[in-house]
C-alpha atoms as a PDB file:
ATOM      1  CA  UNK A   1       0.000   0.000   0.000  1.00  0.00           C
ATOM      2  CA  UNK A   2       2.807   2.401   0.913  1.00  0.00           C
ATOM      3  CA  UNK A   3       4.544   1.605  -2.375  1.00  0.00           C
ATOM      4  CA  UNK A   4       1.405   2.394  -4.392  1.00  0.00           C
ATOM      5  CA  UNK A   5       1.007   5.741  -2.620  1.00  0.00           C
ATOM      6  CA  UNK A   6       4.610   6.732  -3.429  1.00  0.00           C
ATOM      7  CA  UNK A   7       4.120   5.778  -7.060  1.00  0.00           C
ATOM      8  CA  UNK A   8       0.929   7.878  -7.342  1.00  0.00           C
ATOM      9  CA  UNK A   9       2.661  10.894  -5.763  1.00  0.00           C
ATOM     10  CA  UNK A  10       5.567  10.549  -8.198  1.00  0.00           C
ATOM     11  CA  UNK A  11       3.194  10.428 -11.198  1.00  0.00           C
ATOM     12  CA  UNK A  12       1.302  13.501  -9.928  1.00  0.00           C
ATOM     13  CA  UNK A  13       4.544  15.483  -9.522  1.00  0.00           C
ATOM     14  CA  UNK A  14       5.782  14.570 -13.009  1.00  0.00           C
ATOM     15  CA  UNK A  15       2.451  15.514 -14.608  1.00  0.00           C
ATOM     16  CA  UNK A  16       2.335  18.856 -12.799  1.00  0.00           C
ATOM     17  CA  UNK A  17       5.708  19.894 -14.301  1.00  0.00           C
ATOM     18  CA  UNK A  18       4.284  19.411 -17.787  1.00  0.00           C
ATOM     19  CA  UNK A  19       1.275  21.580 -16.961  1.00  0.00           C
ATOM     20  CA  UNK A  20       3.462  24.443 -15.710  1.00  0.00           C
ATOM     21  CA  UNK A  21       5.594  24.325 -18.871  1.00  0.00           C
ATOM     22  CA  UNK A  22       2.530  24.455 -21.137  1.00  0.00           C
ATOM     23  CA  UNK A  23       1.116  27.412 -19.211  1.00  0.00           C
ATOM     24  CA  UNK A  24       4.186  29.546 -19.899  1.00  0.00           C
ATOM     25  CA  UNK A  25       4.619  28.358 -23.495  1.00  0.00           C
ATOM     26  CA  UNK A  26       1.221  29.674 -24.598  1.00  0.00           C
ATOM     27  CA  UNK A  27       1.816  33.312 -23.620  1.00  0.00           C
ATOM     28  CA  UNK A  28       4.030  35.044 -26.207  1.00  0.00           C
ATOM     29  CA  UNK A  29       5.939  38.047 -24.840  1.00  0.00           C
ATOM     30  CA  UNK A  30       5.250  40.167 -27.960  1.00  0.00           C
ATOM     31  CA  UNK A  31       1.524  40.167 -27.251  1.00  0.00           C
ATOM     32  CA  UNK A  32       2.091  41.760 -23.862  1.00  0.00           C
ATOM     33  CA  UNK A  33       4.004  44.698 -25.326  1.00  0.00           C
ATOM     34  CA  UNK A  34       1.513  45.587 -28.080  1.00  0.00           C
ATOM     35  CA  UNK A  35      -0.001  49.076 -28.214  1.00  0.00           C
ATOM     36  CA  UNK A  36      -2.657  50.806 -30.292  1.00  0.00           C
ATOM     37  CA  UNK A  37      -1.896  54.145 -31.920  1.00  0.00           C
ATOM     38  CA  UNK A  38      -4.773  56.241 -33.264  1.00  0.00           C
ATOM     39  CA  UNK A  39      -4.293  59.544 -35.009  1.00  0.00           C
ATOM     40  CA  UNK A  40      -3.588  61.505 -38.176  1.00  0.00           C
ATOM     41  CA  UNK A  41      -0.795  60.583 -40.571  1.00  0.00           C
ATOM     42  CA  UNK A  42       1.377  63.703 -40.757  1.00  0.00           C
ATOM     43  CA  UNK A  43       3.917  62.386 -43.241  1.00  0.00           C
ATOM     44  CA  UNK A  44       5.483  59.226 -44.629  1.00  0.00           C
ATOM     45  CA  UNK A  45       9.291  59.039 -44.517  1.00  0.00           C
ATOM     46  CA  UNK A  46      10.421  55.901 -46.336  1.00  0.00           C
ATOM     47  CA  UNK A  47       9.466  52.973 -44.098  1.00  0.00           C
ATOM     48  CA  UNK A  48       8.186  55.246 -41.316  1.00  0.00           C
ATOM     49  CA  UNK A  49       4.737  56.745 -40.830  1.00  0.00           C
ATOM     50  CA  UNK A  50       4.700  59.782 -38.541  1.00  0.00           C
ATOM     51  CA  UNK A  51       1.349  59.942 -36.745  1.00  0.00           C
ATOM     52  CA  UNK A  52      -0.017  62.657 -34.448  1.00  0.00           C
ATOM     53  CA  UNK A  53      -1.904  60.830 -31.683  1.00  0.00           C
ATOM     54  CA  UNK A  54      -4.857  62.102 -29.617  1.00  0.00           C
ATOM     55  CA  UNK A  55      -2.558  63.772 -27.072  1.00  0.00           C
ATOM     56  CA  UNK A  56      -0.749  65.702 -29.817  1.00  0.00           C
ATOM     57  CA  UNK A  57       2.410  63.599 -29.608  1.00  0.00           C
ATOM     58  CA  UNK A  58       4.177  62.551 -32.810  1.00  0.00           C
ATOM     59  CA  UNK A  59       4.690  58.788 -33.028  1.00  0.00           C
ATOM     60  CA  UNK A  60       6.990  57.125 -35.594  1.00  0.00           C
ATOM     61  CA  UNK A  61       5.766  53.761 -36.813  1.00  0.00           C
ATOM     62  CA  UNK A  62       8.007  51.427 -38.784  1.00  0.00           C
ATOM     63  CA  UNK A  63       6.108  49.883 -41.709  1.00  0.00           C
ATOM     64  CA  UNK A  64       7.506  47.027 -43.810  1.00  0.00           C
ATOM     65  CA  UNK A  65       6.378  44.026 -45.864  1.00  0.00           C
ATOM     66  CA  UNK A  66       5.164  42.260 -42.702  1.00  0.00           C
ATOM     67  CA  UNK A  67       2.762  45.097 -41.795  1.00  0.00           C
ATOM     68  CA  UNK A  68      -0.862  44.314 -42.674  1.00  0.00           C
ATOM     69  CA  UNK A  69      -2.265  47.375 -44.454  1.00  0.00           C
ATOM     70  CA  UNK A  70      -5.987  47.955 -44.950  1.00  0.00           C
ATOM     71  CA  UNK A  71      -5.839  50.311 -47.935  1.00  0.00           C
ATOM     72  CA  UNK A  72      -3.025  52.758 -48.657  1.00  0.00           C
ATOM     73  CA  UNK A  73      -2.816  55.467 -45.985  1.00  0.00           C
ATOM     74  CA  UNK A  74      -1.528  58.892 -47.001  1.00  0.00           C
ATOM     75  CA  UNK A  75      -0.801  62.167 -45.209  1.00  0.00           C
ATOM     76  CA  UNK A  76      -3.975  63.582 -43.678  1.00  0.00           C
ATOM     77  CA  UNK A  77      -5.674  60.191 -43.185  1.00  0.00           C
ATOM     78  CA  UNK A  78      -6.814  59.104 -39.725  1.00  0.00           C
ATOM     79  CA  UNK A  79      -5.565  55.622 -38.879  1.00  0.00           C
ATOM     80  CA  UNK A  80      -5.532  53.026 -36.137  1.00  0.00           C
ATOM     81  CA  UNK A  81      -2.329  51.017 -35.900  1.00  0.00           C
ATOM     82  CA  UNK A  82      -1.328  48.073 -33.766  1.00  0.00           C
ATOM     83  CA  UNK A  83       2.356  48.324 -32.950  1.00  0.00           C
ATOM     84  CA  UNK A  84       4.999  46.654 -30.843  1.00  0.00           C
ATOM     85  CA  UNK A  85       6.608  48.472 -27.933  1.00  0.00           C
ATOM     86  CA  UNK A  86       9.590  49.334 -30.157  1.00  0.00           C
ATOM     87  CA  UNK A  87       7.379  51.051 -32.772  1.00  0.00           C
ATOM     88  CA  UNK A  88       6.964  48.404 -35.478  1.00  0.00           C
ATOM     89  CA  UNK A  89       3.447  48.555 -36.937  1.00  0.00           C
ATOM     90  CA  UNK A  90       1.934  45.084 -37.210  1.00  0.00           C
ATOM     91  CA  UNK A  91      -1.293  46.395 -38.786  1.00  0.00           C
ATOM     92  CA  UNK A  92      -2.730  49.695 -39.994  1.00  0.00           C
ATOM     93  CA  UNK A  93      -6.353  50.398 -40.874  1.00  0.00           C
ATOM     94  CA  UNK A  94      -8.524  53.496 -41.312  1.00  0.00           C
ATOM     95  CA  UNK A  95      -9.753  54.880 -37.978  1.00  0.00           C
ATOM     96  CA  UNK A  96     -13.472  54.665 -37.337  1.00  0.00           C
END
């Protein structure tokens, strides 16, 4: 009986390590650092869109082939962009 109890405890401990690993694996760090930028496109400088946000601050967004664009924004357009903490735009669409 004592031997069976030890075996069951060992199995429970081993299985719990796998659960902890899966919990951390499903939470990508990039998703935590995402931000939304809404505002008016002031100008486009090569791969960078300069946007004036609601507080009046100018924000530079890096746009490349990986950025999902809904339409073709130009200076004067109001947009909503999802961006990483370091300013890379992952998607840009017209603001509603």
